[in-house]
Amino acid sequence: MSDLKCLMIYLILSFGLTFLWFFITIPKGQTWLDMSNEMQSFVGLGMIFPMIAHVLTRFITKEGFSLMGEYSMMLGISFRNKKWIYFLLAVFLPWLFTELGNVIELIMNPNLFDPEYYLTLEIDQKFLMLLPANAIIICTIASFAALGEEGGWRGYMMPKLMKITGRKRALFLGGVIWGLWHAPLTCIGHNFGLDYIGFPYLGILKMCVLCILLGVVLTFLTEKSGSIWPAAIMHAVSNGQPSILLGYMNPEKAGVSDDVIFSISGRMVTIFLVALLVWMIWSKSEKNKKEKTNLL
């Protein structure tokens, strides 16, 4: 079976199963913030379906279920040949672009800064400095949850797309597909809230842009490590919002909603810069590899 047919089967299963789950579980007329934490977690189980779609697709297409190597599910882990570096990057990059993004947010809106805001969060100041480490450790341990998404997107979709279209187009198309997959949740305010111009269409567009940028980094980590675990870890840590500055950013003082801080406007800039840097390193690495091959 051709790669294109395999990819189409995967996308139909991934979107079909996920959207069906959201249709069944999202209470009619409710937004994300209307739901209890338990209900949000229940709806959020939809993130496991890209991985389920991956397994079902391999069963249908008879591609096998090898854990490591070319055309595998990339579930294995190897630290040889300095591959451990990509696991470290997965852990610490989210802290870098989150914290720097918050700096940009504070520069754009100085009224957000509140030196005593952390007190309302019932956090002692000396423990505030440990929040990023806490988020990193907890989310790294819980990265099996993000494996539900990354096991599908990075584990199956991106290798197929890159074979069909080449890396550049695949990173763009893969990001758009991933962003559109989030659309049902974006439409109920999960990613950027509800109170913004062009809701929900600009939110869906913004999610696609964000997924393109993050997809560059996540796909790079996956390809270089030969495993989907760095992508799963980075995805989970990114969702955990590792940051010290969040303890000093008071949305009420600035007259904005919590969603503005989490709308990733400042972080979008830093994620773009990180994605650009990764792309430059990746391209240079591939160029050097081709030059070495030509010399042989």
C-alpha atoms as a PDB file:
ATOM      1  CA  MET A   1       0.000   0.000   0.000  1.00  0.00           C
ATOM      2  CA  SER A   2       1.330   3.478  -0.901  1.00  0.00           C
ATOM      3  CA  ASP A   3       2.464   5.929   1.775  1.00  0.00           C
ATOM      4  CA  LEU A   4      -0.277   8.353   0.728  1.00  0.00           C
ATOM      5  CA  LYS A   5      -3.021   5.746   1.237  1.00  0.00           C
ATOM      6  CA  CYS A   6      -1.541   4.766   4.614  1.00  0.00           C
ATOM      7  CA  LEU A   7      -1.448   8.421   5.650  1.00  0.00           C
ATOM      8  CA  MET A   8      -5.056   9.019   4.593  1.00  0.00           C
ATOM      9  CA  ILE A   9      -6.215   5.989   6.590  1.00  0.00           C
ATOM     10  CA  TYR A  10      -4.343   7.315   9.610  1.00  0.00           C
ATOM     11  CA  LEU A  11      -5.792  10.851   9.331  1.00  0.00           C
ATOM     12  CA  ILE A  12      -9.355   9.588   8.874  1.00  0.00           C
ATOM     13  CA  LEU A  13      -9.025   7.398  11.964  1.00  0.00           C
ATOM     14  CA  SER A  14      -7.271  10.053  14.048  1.00  0.00           C
ATOM     15  CA  PHE A  15      -9.703  12.868  13.278  1.00  0.00           C
ATOM     16  CA  GLY A  16     -12.755  10.607  13.195  1.00  0.00           C
ATOM     17  CA  LEU A  17     -12.144   8.966  16.575  1.00  0.00           C
ATOM     18  CA  THR A  18     -11.077  12.200  18.286  1.00  0.00           C
ATOM     19  CA  PHE A  19     -13.941  14.335  16.992  1.00  0.00           C
ATOM     20  CA  LEU A  20     -16.429  11.600  17.849  1.00  0.00           C
ATOM     21  CA  TRP A  21     -15.039  11.532  21.399  1.00  0.00           C
ATOM     22  CA  PHE A  22     -15.335  15.314  21.724  1.00  0.00           C
ATOM     23  CA  PHE A  23     -18.889  15.221  20.325  1.00  0.00           C
ATOM     24  CA  ILE A  24     -19.893  12.631  22.912  1.00  0.00           C
ATOM     25  CA  THR A  25     -18.079  14.059  25.941  1.00  0.00           C
ATOM     26  CA  ILE A  26     -18.253  17.862  25.639  1.00  0.00           C
ATOM     27  CA  PRO A  27     -21.417  18.989  27.461  1.00  0.00           C
ATOM     28  CA  LYS A  28     -23.729  20.849  25.091  1.00  0.00           C
ATOM     29  CA  GLY A  29     -23.498  24.610  25.443  1.00  0.00           C
ATOM     30  CA  GLN A  30     -20.567  24.529  27.873  1.00  0.00           C
ATOM     31  CA  THR A  31     -17.187  26.194  27.427  1.00  0.00           C
ATOM     32  CA  TRP A  32     -13.889  24.765  28.675  1.00  0.00           C
ATOM     33  CA  LEU A  33     -13.979  26.981  31.775  1.00  0.00           C
ATOM     34  CA  ASP A  34     -17.556  25.917  32.558  1.00  0.00           C
ATOM     35  CA  MET A  35     -16.391  22.342  33.085  1.00  0.00           C
ATOM     36  CA  SER A  36     -15.100  20.909  36.344  1.00  0.00           C
ATOM     37  CA  ASN A  37     -11.469  19.786  36.495  1.00  0.00           C
ATOM     38  CA  GLU A  38     -12.647  16.191  36.396  1.00  0.00           C
ATOM     39  CA  MET A  39     -14.737  16.849  33.282  1.00  0.00           C
ATOM     40  CA  GLN A  40     -11.839  18.654  31.590  1.00  0.00           C
ATOM     41  CA  SER A  41      -9.610  15.647  32.255  1.00  0.00           C
ATOM     42  CA  PHE A  42     -12.271  13.307  30.896  1.00  0.00           C
ATOM     43  CA  VAL A  43     -12.689  15.330  27.688  1.00  0.00           C
ATOM     44  CA  GLY A  44      -8.901  15.607  27.460  1.00  0.00           C
ATOM     45  CA  LEU A  45      -8.642  11.843  27.070  1.00  0.00           C
ATOM     46  CA  GLY A  46      -9.229  12.595  23.398  1.00  0.00           C
ATOM     47  CA  MET A  47      -5.476  13.156  23.134  1.00  0.00           C
ATOM     48  CA  ILE A  48      -4.893   9.390  23.174  1.00  0.00           C
ATOM     49  CA  PHE A  49      -6.625   8.830  19.837  1.00  0.00           C
ATOM     50  CA  PRO A  50      -3.738   9.807  17.501  1.00  0.00           C
ATOM     51  CA  MET A  51      -1.741   6.942  19.044  1.00  0.00           C
ATOM     52  CA  ILE A  52      -4.724   4.582  18.854  1.00  0.00           C
ATOM     53  CA  ALA A  53      -5.144   5.586  15.200  1.00  0.00           C
ATOM     54  CA  HIS A  54      -1.451   4.807  14.652  1.00  0.00           C
ATOM     55  CA  VAL A  55      -1.867   1.273  16.003  1.00  0.00           C
ATOM     56  CA  LEU A  56      -5.088   0.676  14.040  1.00  0.00           C
ATOM     57  CA  THR A  57      -3.500   1.981  10.836  1.00  0.00           C
ATOM     58  CA  ARG A  58      -0.533  -0.359  11.172  1.00  0.00           C
ATOM     59  CA  PHE A  59      -2.952  -3.235  11.749  1.00  0.00           C
ATOM     60  CA  ILE A  60      -4.934  -2.321   8.617  1.00  0.00           C
ATOM     61  CA  THR A  61      -1.892  -1.671   6.422  1.00  0.00           C
ATOM     62  CA  LYS A  62       0.111  -4.601   7.817  1.00  0.00           C
ATOM     63  CA  GLU A  63       3.171  -2.388   8.368  1.00  0.00           C
ATOM     64  CA  GLY A  64       4.200  -4.244  11.498  1.00  0.00           C
ATOM     65  CA  PHE A  65       4.790  -3.084  15.055  1.00  0.00           C
ATOM     66  CA  SER A  66       8.575  -2.908  15.462  1.00  0.00           C
ATOM     67  CA  LEU A  67       9.573  -0.562  18.292  1.00  0.00           C
ATOM     68  CA  MET A  68      12.893   0.747  16.981  1.00  0.00           C
ATOM     69  CA  GLY A  69      14.579   1.379  13.660  1.00  0.00           C
ATOM     70  CA  GLU A  70      13.457   2.667  10.278  1.00  0.00           C
ATOM     71  CA  TYR A  71       9.693   2.621   9.654  1.00  0.00           C
ATOM     72  CA  SER A  72       9.127   1.560  13.290  1.00  0.00           C
ATOM     73  CA  MET A  73       6.788   2.992  15.917  1.00  0.00           C
ATOM     74  CA  MET A  74       9.861   4.645  17.517  1.00  0.00           C
ATOM     75  CA  LEU A  75       8.819   3.657  21.026  1.00  0.00           C
ATOM     76  CA  GLY A  76      12.288   2.475  21.998  1.00  0.00           C
ATOM     77  CA  ILE A  77      14.882   4.602  23.827  1.00  0.00           C
ATOM     78  CA  SER A  78      18.609   4.794  23.148  1.00  0.00           C
ATOM     79  CA  PHE A  79      21.148   7.182  24.695  1.00  0.00           C
ATOM     80  CA  ARG A  80      24.014   6.064  22.459  1.00  0.00           C
ATOM     81  CA  ASN A  81      25.776   8.457  20.070  1.00  0.00           C
ATOM     82  CA  LYS A  82      24.898  11.421  22.325  1.00  0.00           C
ATOM     83  CA  LYS A  83      21.165  10.920  21.840  1.00  0.00           C
ATOM     84  CA  TRP A  84      20.697  11.778  25.518  1.00  0.00           C
ATOM     85  CA  ILE A  85      21.196  15.421  24.486  1.00  0.00           C
ATOM     86  CA  TYR A  86      17.794  15.431  22.795  1.00  0.00           C
ATOM     87  CA  PHE A  87      16.115  14.197  25.969  1.00  0.00           C
ATOM     88  CA  LEU A  88      17.720  17.058  27.912  1.00  0.00           C
ATOM     89  CA  LEU A  89      16.573  19.557  25.294  1.00  0.00           C
ATOM     90  CA  ALA A  90      13.056  18.148  25.558  1.00  0.00           C
ATOM     91  CA  VAL A  91      13.085  18.827  29.304  1.00  0.00           C
ATOM     92  CA  PHE A  92      14.571  22.328  29.339  1.00  0.00           C
ATOM     93  CA  LEU A  93      13.502  23.998  26.075  1.00  0.00           C
ATOM     94  CA  PRO A  94       9.891  24.513  27.271  1.00  0.00           C
ATOM     95  CA  TRP A  95      11.146  26.368  30.348  1.00  0.00           C
ATOM     96  CA  LEU A  96      13.334  28.562  28.135  1.00  0.00           C
ATOM     97  CA  PHE A  97      10.625  29.672  25.713  1.00  0.00           C
ATOM     98  CA  THR A  98       7.953  29.927  28.418  1.00  0.00           C
ATOM     99  CA  GLU A  99      10.033  32.150  30.693  1.00  0.00           C
ATOM    100  CA  LEU A 100      11.362  34.315  27.865  1.00  0.00           C
ATOM    101  CA  GLY A 101       7.839  34.546  26.475  1.00  0.00           C
ATOM    102  CA  ASN A 102       6.619  35.823  29.829  1.00  0.00           C
ATOM    103  CA  VAL A 103       9.374  38.469  29.783  1.00  0.00           C
ATOM    104  CA  ILE A 104       8.060  39.677  26.417  1.00  0.00           C
ATOM    105  CA  GLU A 105       4.503  39.608  27.781  1.00  0.00           C
ATOM    106  CA  LEU A 106       5.541  41.799  30.715  1.00  0.00           C
ATOM    107  CA  ILE A 107       7.339  44.228  28.411  1.00  0.00           C
ATOM    108  CA  MET A 108       4.211  44.462  26.239  1.00  0.00           C
ATOM    109  CA  ASN A 109       1.939  44.872  29.263  1.00  0.00           C
ATOM    110  CA  PRO A 110       3.872  46.148  32.330  1.00  0.00           C
ATOM    111  CA  ASN A 111       0.636  46.319  34.355  1.00  0.00           C
ATOM    112  CA  LEU A 112       0.710  42.526  34.554  1.00  0.00           C
ATOM    113  CA  PHE A 113       3.606  42.675  37.012  1.00  0.00           C
ATOM    114  CA  ASP A 114       2.569  42.249  40.636  1.00  0.00           C
ATOM    115  CA  PRO A 115       5.382  41.489  43.138  1.00  0.00           C
ATOM    116  CA  GLU A 116       2.900  39.971  45.595  1.00  0.00           C
ATOM    117  CA  TYR A 117       0.681  38.001  43.216  1.00  0.00           C
ATOM    118  CA  TYR A 118       2.268  34.702  44.254  1.00  0.00           C
ATOM    119  CA  LEU A 119       0.681  35.186  47.715  1.00  0.00           C
ATOM    120  CA  THR A 120      -2.786  34.767  46.190  1.00  0.00           C
ATOM    121  CA  LEU A 121      -1.602  31.430  44.790  1.00  0.00           C
ATOM    122  CA  GLU A 122      -0.745  30.322  48.346  1.00  0.00           C
ATOM    123  CA  ILE A 123       2.886  29.737  47.422  1.00  0.00           C
ATOM    124  CA  ASP A 124       5.795  30.647  49.655  1.00  0.00           C
ATOM    125  CA  GLN A 125       8.320  32.825  47.790  1.00  0.00           C
ATOM    126  CA  LYS A 126      11.181  30.413  48.431  1.00  0.00           C
ATOM    127  CA  PHE A 127       9.142  27.631  46.780  1.00  0.00           C
ATOM    128  CA  LEU A 128       8.209  29.866  43.858  1.00  0.00           C
ATOM    129  CA  MET A 129      11.716  29.444  42.475  1.00  0.00           C
ATOM    130  CA  LEU A 130      11.167  25.691  42.446  1.00  0.00           C
ATOM    131  CA  LEU A 131       7.967  25.815  40.364  1.00  0.00           C
ATOM    132  CA  PRO A 132       9.721  25.202  37.004  1.00  0.00           C
ATOM    133  CA  ALA A 133      11.571  22.201  38.442  1.00  0.00           C
ATOM    134  CA  ASN A 134       8.308  20.901  39.905  1.00  0.00           C
ATOM    135  CA  ALA A 135       6.511  21.266  36.550  1.00  0.00           C
ATOM    136  CA  ILE A 136       9.419  19.683  34.657  1.00  0.00           C
ATOM    137  CA  ILE A 137       9.681  16.666  36.973  1.00  0.00           C
ATOM    138  CA  ILE A 138       5.933  16.007  37.204  1.00  0.00           C
ATOM    139  CA  CYS A 139       5.335  16.455  33.471  1.00  0.00           C
ATOM    140  CA  THR A 140       8.359  14.355  32.491  1.00  0.00           C
ATOM    141  CA  ILE A 141       7.048  11.537  34.660  1.00  0.00           C
ATOM    142  CA  ALA A 142       3.559  12.010  33.218  1.00  0.00           C
ATOM    143  CA  SER A 143       4.776  12.265  29.608  1.00  0.00           C
ATOM    144  CA  PHE A 144       2.993   8.999  28.786  1.00  0.00           C
ATOM    145  CA  ALA A 145      -0.146  11.180  28.504  1.00  0.00           C
ATOM    146  CA  ALA A 146       1.405  13.307  25.737  1.00  0.00           C
ATOM    147  CA  LEU A 147       2.531  10.046  24.151  1.00  0.00           C
ATOM    148  CA  GLY A 148      -1.070   9.734  22.988  1.00  0.00           C
ATOM    149  CA  GLU A 149      -0.560  12.650  20.621  1.00  0.00           C
ATOM    150  CA  GLU A 150       3.121  12.340  19.796  1.00  0.00           C
ATOM    151  CA  GLY A 151       2.844   8.602  19.208  1.00  0.00           C
ATOM    152  CA  GLY A 152       0.557   9.504  16.317  1.00  0.00           C
ATOM    153  CA  TRP A 153       1.835  12.818  14.952  1.00  0.00           C
ATOM    154  CA  ARG A 154       5.565  12.257  15.308  1.00  0.00           C
ATOM    155  CA  GLY A 155       5.396   8.470  15.361  1.00  0.00           C
ATOM    156  CA  TYR A 156       3.404   8.025  12.157  1.00  0.00           C
ATOM    157  CA  MET A 157       2.121  11.159  10.407  1.00  0.00           C
ATOM    158  CA  MET A 158       5.382  13.096  10.096  1.00  0.00           C
ATOM    159  CA  PRO A 159       7.535  10.221   8.735  1.00  0.00           C
ATOM    160  CA  LYS A 160       4.861   9.568   6.094  1.00  0.00           C
ATOM    161  CA  LEU A 161       4.474  13.250   5.199  1.00  0.00           C
ATOM    162  CA  MET A 162       8.231  13.726   4.880  1.00  0.00           C
ATOM    163  CA  LYS A 163       8.492  10.751   2.541  1.00  0.00           C
ATOM    164  CA  ILE A 164       5.631  12.056   0.405  1.00  0.00           C
ATOM    165  CA  THR A 165       6.316  15.805   0.313  1.00  0.00           C
ATOM    166  CA  GLY A 166       9.826  16.395   1.647  1.00  0.00           C
ATOM    167  CA  ARG A 167      10.756  17.950   4.998  1.00  0.00           C
ATOM    168  CA  LYS A 168       9.790  21.614   4.433  1.00  0.00           C
ATOM    169  CA  ARG A 169       6.288  20.956   3.146  1.00  0.00           C
ATOM    170  CA  ALA A 170       5.768  18.187   5.675  1.00  0.00           C
ATOM    171  CA  LEU A 171       6.554  20.463   8.612  1.00  0.00           C
ATOM    172  CA  PHE A 172       4.084  23.050   7.310  1.00  0.00           C
ATOM    173  CA  LEU A 173       1.312  20.587   6.420  1.00  0.00           C
ATOM    174  CA  GLY A 174       1.857  18.560   9.591  1.00  0.00           C
ATOM    175  CA  GLY A 175       1.541  21.684  11.732  1.00  0.00           C
ATOM    176  CA  VAL A 176      -1.669  22.738   9.997  1.00  0.00           C
ATOM    177  CA  ILE A 177      -3.162  19.244  10.392  1.00  0.00           C
ATOM    178  CA  TRP A 178      -2.186  19.145  14.061  1.00  0.00           C
ATOM    179  CA  GLY A 179      -3.625  22.624  14.637  1.00  0.00           C
ATOM    180  CA  LEU A 180      -6.935  21.771  12.950  1.00  0.00           C
ATOM    181  CA  TRP A 181      -7.167  18.617  15.068  1.00  0.00           C
ATOM    182  CA  HIS A 182      -7.386  20.944  18.108  1.00  0.00           C
ATOM    183  CA  ALA A 183     -10.254  22.948  16.560  1.00  0.00           C
ATOM    184  CA  PRO A 184     -13.131  21.479  18.655  1.00  0.00           C
ATOM    185  CA  LEU A 185     -11.325  22.437  21.870  1.00  0.00           C
ATOM    186  CA  THR A 186     -10.273  25.832  20.513  1.00  0.00           C
ATOM    187  CA  CYS A 187     -13.940  26.511  19.737  1.00  0.00           C
ATOM    188  CA  ILE A 188     -14.883  26.068  23.398  1.00  0.00           C
ATOM    189  CA  GLY A 189     -12.032  28.227  24.680  1.00  0.00           C
ATOM    190  CA  HIS A 190      -9.447  25.635  25.689  1.00  0.00           C
ATOM    191  CA  ASN A 191      -6.395  27.157  24.054  1.00  0.00           C
ATOM    192  CA  PHE A 192      -6.952  30.908  23.924  1.00  0.00           C
ATOM    193  CA  GLY A 193     -10.170  31.606  25.790  1.00  0.00           C
ATOM    194  CA  LEU A 194     -13.280  33.090  24.202  1.00  0.00           C
ATOM    195  CA  ASP A 195     -12.836  36.851  24.424  1.00  0.00           C
ATOM    196  CA  TYR A 196     -10.732  37.767  21.403  1.00  0.00           C
ATOM    197  CA  ILE A 197     -11.377  39.311  18.006  1.00  0.00           C
ATOM    198  CA  GLY A 198     -12.245  36.762  15.342  1.00  0.00           C
ATOM    199  CA  PHE A 199     -13.214  34.000  17.769  1.00  0.00           C
ATOM    200  CA  PRO A 200     -12.894  31.105  17.070  1.00  0.00           C
ATOM    201  CA  TYR A 201     -11.366  31.358  13.581  1.00  0.00           C
ATOM    202  CA  LEU A 202      -8.325  33.427  14.521  1.00  0.00           C
ATOM    203  CA  GLY A 203      -7.807  31.061  17.451  1.00  0.00           C
ATOM    204  CA  ILE A 204      -7.764  28.065  15.096  1.00  0.00           C
ATOM    205  CA  LEU A 205      -5.338  29.926  12.798  1.00  0.00           C
ATOM    206  CA  LYS A 206      -3.124  30.823  15.760  1.00  0.00           C
ATOM    207  CA  MET A 207      -3.149  27.189  16.890  1.00  0.00           C
ATOM    208  CA  CYS A 208      -2.039  26.089  13.420  1.00  0.00           C
ATOM    209  CA  VAL A 209       0.866  28.555  13.504  1.00  0.00           C
ATOM    210  CA  LEU A 210       1.830  27.405  16.989  1.00  0.00           C
ATOM    211  CA  CYS A 211       1.698  23.743  15.911  1.00  0.00           C
ATOM    212  CA  ILE A 212       3.872  24.450  12.856  1.00  0.00           C
ATOM    213  CA  LEU A 213       6.521  26.084  15.060  1.00  0.00           C
ATOM    214  CA  LEU A 214       6.397  23.456  17.808  1.00  0.00           C
ATOM    215  CA  GLY A 215       6.250  20.746  15.167  1.00  0.00           C
ATOM    216  CA  VAL A 216       9.648  21.813  13.822  1.00  0.00           C
ATOM    217  CA  VAL A 217      11.238  21.295  17.237  1.00  0.00           C
ATOM    218  CA  LEU A 218       9.331  18.118  18.117  1.00  0.00           C
ATOM    219  CA  THR A 219      10.036  16.481  14.750  1.00  0.00           C
ATOM    220  CA  PHE A 220      13.714  17.443  15.009  1.00  0.00           C
ATOM    221  CA  LEU A 221      13.966  15.807  18.451  1.00  0.00           C
ATOM    222  CA  THR A 222      12.186  12.696  17.177  1.00  0.00           C
ATOM    223  CA  GLU A 223      14.329  12.281  14.075  1.00  0.00           C
ATOM    224  CA  LYS A 224      17.629  12.905  15.850  1.00  0.00           C
ATOM    225  CA  SER A 225      16.863  10.643  18.824  1.00  0.00           C
ATOM    226  CA  GLY A 226      15.097   7.945  16.809  1.00  0.00           C
ATOM    227  CA  SER A 227      12.389   7.947  19.485  1.00  0.00           C
ATOM    228  CA  ILE A 228       9.074   9.679  20.096  1.00  0.00           C
ATOM    229  CA  TRP A 229       9.822  10.007  23.830  1.00  0.00           C
ATOM    230  CA  PRO A 230      11.682  13.345  23.640  1.00  0.00           C
ATOM    231  CA  ALA A 231       8.714  14.817  21.752  1.00  0.00           C
ATOM    232  CA  ALA A 232       6.292  13.372  24.321  1.00  0.00           C
ATOM    233  CA  ILE A 233       8.369  14.780  27.181  1.00  0.00           C
ATOM    234  CA  MET A 234       8.660  18.235  25.607  1.00  0.00           C
ATOM    235  CA  HIS A 235       4.944  18.272  24.787  1.00  0.00           C
ATOM    236  CA  ALA A 236       4.053  17.383  28.372  1.00  0.00           C
ATOM    237  CA  VAL A 237       6.475  19.894  29.939  1.00  0.00           C
ATOM    238  CA  SER A 238       5.210  22.639  27.593  1.00  0.00           C
ATOM    239  CA  ASN A 239       1.649  21.949  28.731  1.00  0.00           C
ATOM    240  CA  GLY A 240       2.860  22.218  32.342  1.00  0.00           C
ATOM    241  CA  GLN A 241       3.844  25.890  31.851  1.00  0.00           C
ATOM    242  CA  PRO A 242       7.173  25.765  33.747  1.00  0.00           C
ATOM    243  CA  SER A 243       7.737  29.348  34.922  1.00  0.00           C
ATOM    244  CA  ILE A 244       8.758  31.500  37.871  1.00  0.00           C
ATOM    245  CA  LEU A 245       7.427  34.731  36.375  1.00  0.00           C
ATOM    246  CA  LEU A 246       3.828  33.460  36.271  1.00  0.00           C
ATOM    247  CA  GLY A 247       3.860  33.924  40.035  1.00  0.00           C
ATOM    248  CA  TYR A 248       4.301  37.667  39.449  1.00  0.00           C
ATOM    249  CA  MET A 249       1.828  38.140  36.592  1.00  0.00           C
ATOM    250  CA  ASN A 250      -1.553  39.324  37.848  1.00  0.00           C
ATOM    251  CA  PRO A 251      -4.210  39.403  35.091  1.00  0.00           C
ATOM    252  CA  GLU A 252      -6.767  41.218  37.292  1.00  0.00           C
ATOM    253  CA  LYS A 253      -4.366  44.081  37.992  1.00  0.00           C
ATOM    254  CA  ALA A 254      -3.798  44.493  34.264  1.00  0.00           C
ATOM    255  CA  GLY A 255      -7.529  44.287  33.576  1.00  0.00           C
ATOM    256  CA  VAL A 256      -7.253  41.200  31.393  1.00  0.00           C
ATOM    257  CA  SER A 257      -8.464  37.625  31.710  1.00  0.00           C
ATOM    258  CA  ASP A 258      -6.275  34.655  32.641  1.00  0.00           C
ATOM    259  CA  ASP A 259      -6.609  33.527  29.042  1.00  0.00           C
ATOM    260  CA  VAL A 260      -4.554  36.507  27.838  1.00  0.00           C
ATOM    261  CA  ILE A 261      -1.507  35.316  29.785  1.00  0.00           C
ATOM    262  CA  PHE A 262      -1.933  31.794  28.482  1.00  0.00           C
ATOM    263  CA  SER A 263      -2.723  32.926  24.933  1.00  0.00           C
ATOM    264  CA  ILE A 264       0.946  32.476  24.054  1.00  0.00           C
ATOM    265  CA  SER A 265       1.312  35.892  22.388  1.00  0.00           C
ATOM    266  CA  GLY A 266       4.700  36.486  24.034  1.00  0.00           C
ATOM    267  CA  ARG A 267       5.617  32.820  23.893  1.00  0.00           C
ATOM    268  CA  MET A 268       4.769  32.686  20.199  1.00  0.00           C
ATOM    269  CA  VAL A 269       7.747  34.980  19.587  1.00  0.00           C
ATOM    270  CA  THR A 270      10.172  32.850  21.590  1.00  0.00           C
ATOM    271  CA  ILE A 271       8.852  29.589  20.129  1.00  0.00           C
ATOM    272  CA  PHE A 272       9.366  31.087  16.668  1.00  0.00           C
ATOM    273  CA  LEU A 273      12.973  31.952  17.534  1.00  0.00           C
ATOM    274  CA  VAL A 274      13.624  28.480  18.975  1.00  0.00           C
ATOM    275  CA  ALA A 275      12.037  26.830  15.902  1.00  0.00           C
ATOM    276  CA  LEU A 276      14.140  29.026  13.593  1.00  0.00           C
ATOM    277  CA  LEU A 277      17.330  28.141  15.469  1.00  0.00           C
ATOM    278  CA  VAL A 278      16.478  24.433  15.370  1.00  0.00           C
ATOM    279  CA  TRP A 279      15.721  24.624  11.643  1.00  0.00           C
ATOM    280  CA  MET A 280      19.086  26.301  10.971  1.00  0.00           C
ATOM    281  CA  ILE A 281      20.967  23.667  13.002  1.00  0.00           C
ATOM    282  CA  TRP A 282      18.995  20.871  11.338  1.00  0.00           C
ATOM    283  CA  SER A 283      19.627  22.214   7.833  1.00  0.00           C
ATOM    284  CA  LYS A 284      23.345  22.664   8.505  1.00  0.00           C
ATOM    285  CA  SER A 285      23.552  19.132   9.908  1.00  0.00           C
ATOM    286  CA  GLU A 286      21.881  17.681   6.805  1.00  0.00           C
ATOM    287  CA  LYS A 287      24.121  19.736   4.512  1.00  0.00           C
ATOM    288  CA  ASN A 288      27.259  18.461   6.277  1.00  0.00           C
ATOM    289  CA  LYS A 289      25.950  14.891   6.047  1.00  0.00           C
ATOM    290  CA  LYS A 290      25.403  15.235   2.274  1.00  0.00           C
ATOM    291  CA  GLU A 291      28.865  16.725   1.776  1.00  0.00           C
ATOM    292  CA  LYS A 292      30.457  13.804   3.658  1.00  0.00           C
ATOM    293  CA  THR A 293      28.433  11.342   1.585  1.00  0.00           C
ATOM    294  CA  ASN A 294      29.550  12.995  -1.673  1.00  0.00           C
ATOM    295  CA  LEU A 295      33.202  12.727  -0.614  1.00  0.00           C
ATOM    296  CA  LEU A 296      32.948   8.967  -0.129  1.00  0.00           C
END
